[in-house]
Amino acid sequence: MERITGVLTGIRNPRTGLAVLDAEQIRDVATTVDGKVRLTLLLAPEDDAALVRDVRQALERLEGVSDVRIDVRDPAQSEPTSARRATTPSPAAAMSSAPQVPARGGSGRALPVMEAAPAPKAPPRVPDPVAYPNLGRLIAISSGKGGVGKSTVAVNLAIALARAGKRVGIMDADIYGPNLPLMLGVDAAPAVRDDKIIPLEAHGVKVISLGFLIEKEQPAIWRGPIVMKIITQFLRDVQWGQLDYLFVDMPPGTGDAQLSLVQATPVHGAVIVTTPQQVAVGDALRGVKMFERTSVPVLGIVENMSYFENPETGTPIALFGSGGGQRLATECDLPLLGQVPIDPRIQEGGDTGRPIVAAEPASRAAQALAGIAQRVMERLDARHG
């Protein structure tokens, strides 16, 4: 324990200039006889998440340390007690840690799992949104529920604008189910250069995803403060270069990720994806209202899986009902940006990393998605000039 204390004494918080031990940011240090170390690190929203990496690497360099697990908590959610020390954690004590920028020269797959924190005693301070002019216009692609093809729409809209000559990036904010690596056909640990993560690129689109940074079977069990830090790092610490548009693929619903994004940076517009069924439309309505209440303009509604075209007659068959997207658009006084038909090639392209806009640009579905992308640009131009 003395050696652990000694090495932590030399680590300082860049924001405050204080040693993490002196500032009582380290809590609940625990060790096991086989060299496992677990502790809690109090990290305020304005602190650099790289401090987690510094603590981890310092401990991992100690002789005899076989594993390091770090619980990250917001100080506002922690009891203001002095650092407590234990000697042996429970069997569950080796199951959590927190996000960090990949270490320079490392594999990059180093973002571990955060266990559920206790209910907060007081809400943390909400930081002011930070503008990132180099990211161009930021567009959130969202849905009220899962399974409506939100990520498929996001990927194909991004590729459509890239094919139109725009500089486009896409950020996977669906940290609970990061599917962009599979859908875009890229899966590698991103490089780090000058403390910036270098995004991967596919079909002319720059992309960053939590899926590049954790193992495929690793669950993302994170509460709000950690979600906020991941989204902020993807905006601030990724070397995006100069973009015209940055699409953000949101998780379904109206939870931590949506609120974290609008608190982290100004969002120029949101696109809501639904299917024709009433259950999907009802959930999508809540998504529209959430963005409206956070002063994010909703650009319009996309109805996905609108119909299946009979291959022999060309007759549209409404497998999931009809008119849901238009009813939602009418109720919210928004435009229906487009209807995307069911096409088996959409699913095939998503599974093989060949989105339909890139693989089958002449298909009816690809043309519908390209038309939606064009209308999104027009709506943004009308709002922002």
Protein backbone atom coordinates (compact mmCIF):
# COMPACT_ATOMS: atom_id res chain seq x y z
CA MET A 1 0.00 0.00 0.00
CA GLU A 2 2.91 2.35 0.70
CA ARG A 3 4.23 1.86 -2.83
CA ILE A 4 0.77 2.63 -4.26
CA THR A 5 0.52 5.77 -2.17
CA GLY A 6 4.01 6.79 -3.22
CA VAL A 7 3.35 6.51 -6.94
CA LEU A 8 -0.02 8.29 -6.70
CA THR A 9 1.58 11.19 -4.83
CA GLY A 10 3.39 12.16 -8.02
CA ILE A 11 0.25 12.45 -10.17
CA ARG A 12 -1.25 15.92 -10.46
CA ASN A 13 -4.53 17.15 -11.84
CA PRO A 14 -3.61 19.51 -14.75
CA ARG A 15 -6.66 21.67 -14.03
CA THR A 16 -5.95 22.34 -10.36
CA GLY A 17 -2.22 21.65 -10.16
CA LEU A 18 -2.81 19.58 -7.01
CA ALA A 19 -1.72 16.01 -6.44
CA VAL A 20 -4.69 13.66 -6.73
CA LEU A 21 -4.01 12.35 -3.22
CA ASP A 22 -3.76 15.81 -1.66
CA ALA A 23 -7.00 16.82 -3.35
CA GLU A 24 -8.69 13.64 -2.07
CA GLN A 25 -9.60 12.56 -5.60
CA ILE A 26 -8.50 9.00 -4.76
CA ARG A 27 -10.89 6.94 -2.65
CA ASP A 28 -11.41 3.33 -1.60
CA VAL A 29 -8.02 1.90 -2.52
CA ALA A 30 -8.15 -1.89 -2.32
CA THR A 31 -5.64 -4.63 -3.15
CA THR A 32 -5.56 -8.40 -3.34
CA VAL A 33 -2.77 -10.83 -2.61
CA ASP A 34 -2.42 -11.67 -6.31
CA GLY A 35 -1.63 -8.06 -7.27
CA LYS A 36 -5.02 -6.64 -8.24
CA VAL A 37 -5.63 -2.99 -7.39
CA ARG A 38 -8.97 -1.22 -7.33
CA LEU A 39 -9.74 2.38 -6.42
CA THR A 40 -12.22 5.18 -6.98
CA LEU A 41 -11.18 8.37 -8.80
CA LEU A 42 -13.34 11.48 -8.39
CA LEU A 43 -13.40 13.28 -11.74
CA ALA A 44 -15.32 16.52 -12.19
CA PRO A 45 -16.90 17.26 -15.61
CA GLU A 46 -14.24 19.92 -16.28
CA ASP A 47 -11.34 17.57 -15.49
CA ASP A 48 -9.41 15.90 -18.30
CA ALA A 49 -10.40 12.24 -18.60
CA ALA A 50 -6.77 11.46 -19.47
CA LEU A 51 -6.12 11.67 -15.72
CA VAL A 52 -7.66 8.18 -15.49
CA ARG A 53 -5.03 6.93 -17.93
CA ASP A 54 -2.22 8.54 -15.93
CA VAL A 55 -3.33 6.86 -12.72
CA ARG A 56 -3.77 3.51 -14.41
CA GLN A 57 -0.39 3.56 -16.15
CA ALA A 58 1.42 4.65 -12.98
CA LEU A 59 -0.03 1.72 -11.05
CA GLU A 60 0.56 -0.78 -13.84
CA ARG A 61 4.27 0.07 -13.79
CA LEU A 62 4.57 -1.04 -10.16
CA GLU A 63 6.23 -4.41 -9.70
CA GLY A 64 3.75 -7.06 -8.58
CA VAL A 65 0.64 -5.27 -9.87
CA SER A 66 -1.25 -7.66 -12.15
CA ASP A 67 -4.46 -5.73 -12.80
CA VAL A 68 -5.83 -2.22 -12.20
CA ARG A 69 -9.52 -1.36 -12.01
CA ILE A 70 -10.67 2.25 -11.59
CA ASP A 71 -14.18 3.41 -10.72
CA VAL A 72 -14.79 6.96 -11.93
CA ARG A 73 -17.37 9.06 -10.12
CA ASP A 74 -18.41 12.67 -10.27
CA PRO A 75 -17.56 14.48 -6.99
CA ALA A 76 -21.16 15.69 -6.83
CA GLN A 77 -22.28 12.07 -6.63
CA SER A 78 -19.78 11.02 -3.95
CA GLU A 79 -19.91 11.45 -0.19
CA PRO A 80 -17.46 14.16 0.96
CA THR A 81 -15.45 11.86 3.17
CA SER A 82 -11.73 11.40 3.38
CA ALA A 83 -10.07 8.68 1.34
CA ARG A 84 -10.93 5.26 2.68
CA ARG A 85 -8.71 2.23 2.33
CA ALA A 86 -9.59 -1.45 2.40
CA THR A 87 -7.39 -4.48 2.04
CA THR A 88 -9.38 -7.04 0.06
CA PRO A 89 -12.24 -6.30 -2.36
CA SER A 90 -15.22 -8.53 -2.90
CA PRO A 91 -15.27 -10.84 -5.96
CA ALA A 92 -17.30 -8.17 -7.78
CA ALA A 93 -14.57 -5.63 -7.12
CA ALA A 94 -12.58 -6.54 -10.20
CA MET A 95 -15.29 -5.64 -12.66
CA SER A 96 -15.13 -1.90 -13.38
CA SER A 97 -13.01 0.95 -14.70
CA ALA A 98 -13.46 4.12 -16.79
CA PRO A 99 -12.90 5.65 -20.21
CA GLN A 100 -9.58 7.03 -21.39
CA VAL A 101 -7.88 8.17 -24.55
CA PRO A 102 -5.88 5.28 -26.01
CA ALA A 103 -2.25 5.36 -24.85
CA ARG A 104 0.25 6.62 -27.43
CA GLY A 105 1.52 3.73 -29.49
CA GLY A 106 -0.93 1.31 -27.86
CA SER A 107 -3.65 -0.77 -29.41
CA GLY A 108 -6.33 1.78 -28.52
CA ARG A 109 -8.68 -0.89 -27.15
CA ALA A 110 -8.50 0.40 -23.61
CA LEU A 111 -11.91 1.83 -22.76
CA PRO A 112 -13.20 -0.44 -19.98
CA VAL A 113 -16.49 -0.86 -18.16
CA MET A 114 -18.06 1.42 -15.57
CA GLU A 115 -20.40 -0.11 -13.01
CA ALA A 116 -23.62 1.63 -12.08
CA ALA A 117 -22.99 4.46 -9.60
CA PRO A 118 -25.29 5.25 -6.66
CA ALA A 119 -28.13 7.66 -7.21
CA PRO A 120 -26.73 11.21 -7.13
CA LYS A 121 -27.26 13.27 -4.00
CA ALA A 122 -27.09 16.51 -5.99
CA PRO A 123 -27.06 17.18 -9.74
CA PRO A 124 -23.58 17.89 -11.16
CA ARG A 125 -22.86 21.27 -12.65
CA VAL A 126 -23.82 21.37 -16.31
CA PRO A 127 -20.95 22.72 -18.43
CA ASP A 128 -21.59 25.37 -21.06
CA PRO A 129 -21.71 23.99 -24.64
CA VAL A 130 -18.46 24.45 -26.56
CA ALA A 131 -18.52 25.29 -30.27
CA TYR A 132 -16.19 23.36 -32.59
CA PRO A 133 -16.16 25.37 -35.85
CA ASN A 134 -13.99 22.79 -37.61
CA LEU A 135 -16.78 20.22 -37.32
CA GLY A 136 -19.09 22.17 -39.63
CA ARG A 137 -22.79 21.57 -39.13
CA LEU A 138 -23.58 18.94 -36.53
CA ILE A 139 -26.62 16.76 -37.24
CA ALA A 140 -28.05 14.32 -34.69
CA ILE A 141 -29.77 11.26 -36.14
CA SER A 142 -32.16 9.95 -33.50
CA SER A 143 -35.15 7.70 -32.96
CA GLY A 144 -37.64 7.07 -30.22
CA LYS A 145 -37.07 3.31 -30.16
CA GLY A 146 -34.60 0.74 -31.40
CA GLY A 147 -34.96 -1.36 -34.52
CA VAL A 148 -36.20 1.37 -36.86
CA GLY A 149 -32.98 1.62 -38.91
CA LYS A 150 -31.60 4.81 -37.37
CA SER A 151 -27.95 3.81 -37.82
CA THR A 152 -28.64 2.65 -41.37
CA VAL A 153 -30.12 6.04 -42.20
CA ALA A 154 -27.25 7.89 -40.52
CA VAL A 155 -24.57 5.93 -42.40
CA ASN A 156 -26.23 6.28 -45.79
CA LEU A 157 -26.94 10.00 -45.37
CA ALA A 158 -23.28 10.59 -44.50
CA ILE A 159 -22.09 8.62 -47.53
CA ALA A 160 -24.58 10.40 -49.78
CA LEU A 161 -23.17 13.80 -48.79
CA ALA A 162 -19.60 12.54 -49.18
CA ARG A 163 -20.45 11.34 -52.70
CA ALA A 164 -21.79 14.85 -53.35
CA GLY A 165 -18.33 16.27 -52.61
CA LYS A 166 -18.83 17.31 -48.99
CA ARG A 167 -16.33 16.75 -46.18
CA VAL A 168 -18.24 14.47 -43.85
CA GLY A 169 -17.66 12.73 -40.53
CA ILE A 170 -19.85 10.43 -38.49
CA MET A 171 -19.61 9.95 -34.74
CA ASP A 172 -21.07 6.88 -33.07
CA ALA A 173 -22.74 8.20 -29.93
CA ASP A 174 -24.72 4.98 -29.58
CA ILE A 175 -22.23 3.83 -26.95
CA TYR A 176 -24.51 1.05 -25.70
CA GLY A 177 -24.69 -0.57 -29.14
CA PRO A 178 -21.93 0.81 -31.40
CA ASN A 179 -22.73 -0.66 -34.82
CA LEU A 180 -20.92 1.72 -37.17
CA PRO A 181 -17.74 -0.41 -37.43
CA LEU A 182 -19.76 -3.32 -38.84
CA MET A 183 -21.98 -1.17 -41.04
CA LEU A 184 -19.05 0.75 -42.56
CA GLY A 185 -16.74 -2.24 -42.84
CA VAL A 186 -13.93 -0.84 -40.69
CA ASP A 187 -12.70 -2.34 -37.44
CA ALA A 188 -9.28 -1.32 -36.17
CA ALA A 189 -7.82 0.51 -33.22
CA PRO A 190 -7.39 4.17 -34.25
CA ALA A 191 -3.93 5.66 -34.05
CA VAL A 192 -3.07 8.48 -31.66
CA ARG A 193 -0.91 11.36 -32.82
CA ASP A 194 -0.03 14.43 -30.74
CA ASP A 195 -2.62 13.37 -28.16
CA LYS A 196 -5.36 13.29 -30.82
CA ILE A 197 -7.26 10.20 -31.93
CA ILE A 198 -7.06 9.73 -35.70
CA PRO A 199 -10.49 8.70 -37.04
CA LEU A 200 -10.80 5.83 -39.46
CA GLU A 201 -12.27 6.40 -42.91
CA ALA A 202 -14.74 4.44 -45.02
CA HIS A 203 -16.54 5.37 -48.24
CA GLY A 204 -15.13 8.89 -48.02
CA VAL A 205 -16.48 9.45 -44.48
CA LYS A 206 -14.37 9.89 -41.35
CA VAL A 207 -15.70 7.79 -38.48
CA ILE A 208 -15.10 7.31 -34.77
CA SER A 209 -16.88 4.75 -32.61
CA LEU A 210 -16.57 3.24 -29.19
CA GLY A 211 -16.60 -0.05 -31.08
CA PHE A 212 -13.03 0.71 -32.21
CA LEU A 213 -11.88 1.10 -28.61
CA ILE A 214 -13.42 -1.80 -26.68
CA GLU A 215 -13.64 -5.52 -27.32
CA LYS A 216 -16.75 -6.75 -29.12
CA GLU A 217 -18.06 -8.71 -26.14
CA GLN A 218 -17.41 -5.95 -23.62
CA PRO A 219 -20.62 -4.35 -22.32
CA ALA A 220 -20.83 -0.56 -21.94
CA ILE A 221 -22.42 -0.11 -18.52
CA TRP A 222 -22.13 3.64 -18.00
CA ARG A 223 -24.05 6.34 -16.19
CA GLY A 224 -24.49 9.95 -17.31
CA PRO A 225 -21.14 11.52 -16.28
CA ILE A 226 -19.15 8.87 -18.15
CA VAL A 227 -21.36 9.15 -21.23
CA MET A 228 -20.74 12.91 -21.18
CA LYS A 229 -16.98 12.40 -21.03
CA ILE A 230 -16.95 9.96 -23.95
CA ILE A 231 -19.03 12.24 -26.16
CA THR A 232 -16.90 15.26 -25.22
CA GLN A 233 -13.71 13.36 -26.04
CA PHE A 234 -15.09 12.27 -29.41
CA LEU A 235 -15.78 15.92 -30.21
CA ARG A 236 -12.64 17.46 -28.72
CA ASP A 237 -9.90 14.84 -28.92
CA VAL A 238 -10.48 13.36 -32.37
CA GLN A 239 -8.47 14.83 -35.25
CA TRP A 240 -11.46 15.44 -37.51
CA GLY A 241 -9.76 18.05 -39.65
CA GLN A 242 -12.11 20.50 -41.35
CA LEU A 243 -15.59 19.09 -41.95
CA ASP A 244 -18.68 20.42 -43.66
CA TYR A 245 -21.02 18.05 -41.79
CA LEU A 246 -20.69 15.81 -38.74
CA PHE A 247 -23.45 13.24 -38.32
CA VAL A 248 -23.99 11.89 -34.80
CA ASP A 249 -25.66 8.48 -34.56
CA MET A 250 -27.58 8.65 -31.27
CA PRO A 251 -28.81 5.70 -29.20
CA PRO A 252 -32.57 5.12 -29.20
CA GLY A 253 -34.69 7.06 -26.76
CA THR A 254 -34.22 10.34 -24.90
CA GLY A 255 -31.55 9.57 -22.34
CA ASP A 256 -28.05 10.46 -21.22
CA ALA A 257 -26.42 10.51 -24.66
CA GLN A 258 -28.92 12.97 -26.16
CA LEU A 259 -28.66 15.31 -23.19
CA SER A 260 -24.87 14.98 -23.09
CA LEU A 261 -24.56 15.93 -26.75
CA VAL A 262 -26.67 19.09 -26.51
CA GLN A 263 -24.82 20.07 -23.31
CA ALA A 264 -21.41 19.46 -24.91
CA THR A 265 -21.80 21.46 -28.13
CA PRO A 266 -24.40 23.37 -30.17
CA VAL A 267 -26.35 20.98 -32.42
CA HIS A 268 -27.44 22.52 -35.72
CA GLY A 269 -30.28 20.11 -36.35
CA ALA A 270 -31.82 16.72 -35.59
CA VAL A 271 -33.40 14.16 -37.89
CA ILE A 272 -35.95 11.76 -36.37
CA VAL A 273 -36.23 8.26 -37.85
CA THR A 274 -39.38 6.19 -37.47
CA THR A 275 -41.23 3.35 -39.13
CA PRO A 276 -44.91 3.48 -40.11
CA GLN A 277 -46.23 1.60 -37.03
CA GLN A 278 -48.04 3.65 -34.43
CA VAL A 279 -45.85 2.31 -31.60
CA ALA A 280 -42.74 3.64 -33.35
CA VAL A 281 -44.41 6.94 -34.17
CA GLY A 282 -45.44 7.46 -30.55
CA ASP A 283 -41.87 6.94 -29.35
CA ALA A 284 -40.51 9.18 -32.11
CA LEU A 285 -42.85 11.97 -30.98
CA ARG A 286 -41.12 11.96 -27.60
CA GLY A 287 -37.79 12.31 -29.40
CA VAL A 288 -39.07 15.35 -31.29
CA LYS A 289 -40.27 16.99 -28.08
CA MET A 290 -36.98 16.30 -26.31
CA PHE A 291 -34.97 18.13 -28.97
CA GLU A 292 -37.44 20.98 -29.05
CA ARG A 293 -37.15 21.43 -25.29
CA THR A 294 -33.35 21.56 -25.56
CA SER A 295 -33.54 24.22 -28.33
CA VAL A 296 -32.30 21.89 -31.07
CA PRO A 297 -34.15 22.46 -34.35
CA VAL A 298 -35.70 19.28 -35.75
CA LEU A 299 -35.08 19.26 -39.49
CA GLY A 300 -37.73 16.68 -40.28
CA ILE A 301 -38.94 13.09 -40.17
CA VAL A 302 -37.60 10.09 -42.08
CA GLU A 303 -39.95 7.13 -42.47
CA ASN A 304 -37.87 3.98 -42.87
CA MET A 305 -39.18 0.55 -43.97
CA SER A 306 -42.12 2.36 -45.56
CA TYR A 307 -43.12 -0.38 -47.98
CA PHE A 308 -41.88 -3.42 -49.86
CA GLU A 309 -42.01 -3.24 -53.63
CA ASN A 310 -43.39 -6.36 -55.31
CA PRO A 311 -40.51 -7.47 -57.56
CA GLU A 312 -42.90 -8.73 -60.25
CA THR A 313 -45.46 -5.95 -60.42
CA GLY A 314 -43.71 -3.03 -58.73
CA THR A 315 -46.72 -2.57 -56.46
CA PRO A 316 -45.83 -1.20 -53.00
CA ILE A 317 -46.87 -3.48 -50.14
CA ALA A 318 -47.21 -1.79 -46.72
CA LEU A 319 -45.83 -4.54 -44.48
CA PHE A 320 -45.76 -2.33 -41.38
CA GLY A 321 -48.78 -0.14 -42.05
CA SER A 322 -48.68 3.20 -43.78
CA GLY A 323 -48.78 6.91 -43.13
CA GLY A 324 -47.11 6.92 -39.72
CA GLY A 325 -44.25 9.19 -40.74
CA GLN A 326 -46.58 11.69 -42.39
CA ARG A 327 -48.90 11.73 -39.36
CA LEU A 328 -45.97 12.46 -37.08
CA ALA A 329 -44.67 15.18 -39.38
CA THR A 330 -48.11 16.78 -39.57
CA GLU A 331 -48.63 16.62 -35.80
CA CYS A 332 -45.25 18.27 -35.16
CA ASP A 333 -45.52 20.74 -38.06
CA LEU A 334 -42.37 19.30 -39.63
CA PRO A 335 -41.56 18.14 -43.16
CA LEU A 336 -41.48 14.46 -44.06
CA LEU A 337 -37.97 14.33 -45.51
CA GLY A 338 -38.55 11.06 -47.28
CA GLN A 339 -39.72 7.46 -47.22
CA VAL A 340 -37.19 4.64 -47.55
CA PRO A 341 -38.54 1.34 -48.91
CA ILE A 342 -37.65 -2.11 -47.58
CA ASP A 343 -34.84 -3.57 -49.65
CA PRO A 344 -32.95 -6.76 -48.67
CA ARG A 345 -29.80 -5.13 -50.03
CA ILE A 346 -29.94 -2.56 -47.22
CA GLN A 347 -29.63 -5.32 -44.62
CA GLU A 348 -26.97 -7.14 -46.63
CA GLY A 349 -24.95 -3.96 -47.03
CA GLY A 350 -25.17 -3.22 -43.32
CA ASP A 351 -23.83 -6.67 -42.46
CA THR A 352 -20.99 -6.56 -45.00
CA GLY A 353 -19.84 -2.95 -44.65
CA ARG A 354 -21.24 -1.92 -48.05
CA PRO A 355 -24.09 0.57 -47.40
CA ILE A 356 -26.62 0.67 -50.18
CA VAL A 357 -25.88 4.29 -51.20
CA ALA A 358 -22.32 3.19 -52.02
CA ALA A 359 -23.02 -0.35 -53.25
CA GLU A 360 -26.26 0.14 -55.23
CA PRO A 361 -26.59 3.89 -55.87
CA ALA A 362 -29.17 3.37 -58.64
CA SER A 363 -31.57 1.43 -56.42
CA ARG A 364 -34.83 3.02 -55.31
CA ALA A 365 -33.79 2.90 -51.64
CA ALA A 366 -30.41 4.54 -52.34
CA GLN A 367 -32.07 7.26 -54.38
CA ALA A 368 -34.56 7.90 -51.57
CA LEU A 369 -31.71 8.23 -49.07
CA ALA A 370 -29.75 10.54 -51.39
CA GLY A 371 -32.85 12.70 -51.75
CA ILE A 372 -33.23 12.88 -47.97
CA ALA A 373 -29.58 13.94 -47.64
CA GLN A 374 -30.18 16.73 -50.15
CA ARG A 375 -33.24 17.95 -48.26
CA VAL A 376 -31.29 17.90 -44.97
CA MET A 377 -28.68 20.20 -46.57
CA GLU A 378 -31.40 22.49 -47.87
CA ARG A 379 -33.07 22.71 -44.46
CA LEU A 380 -29.75 23.55 -42.81
CA ASP A 381 -28.97 26.18 -45.45
CA ALA A 382 -32.38 27.77 -44.88
CA ARG A 383 -31.70 28.00 -41.15
CA HIS A 384 -28.03 28.92 -41.09
CA GLY A 385 -27.38 30.47 -44.49
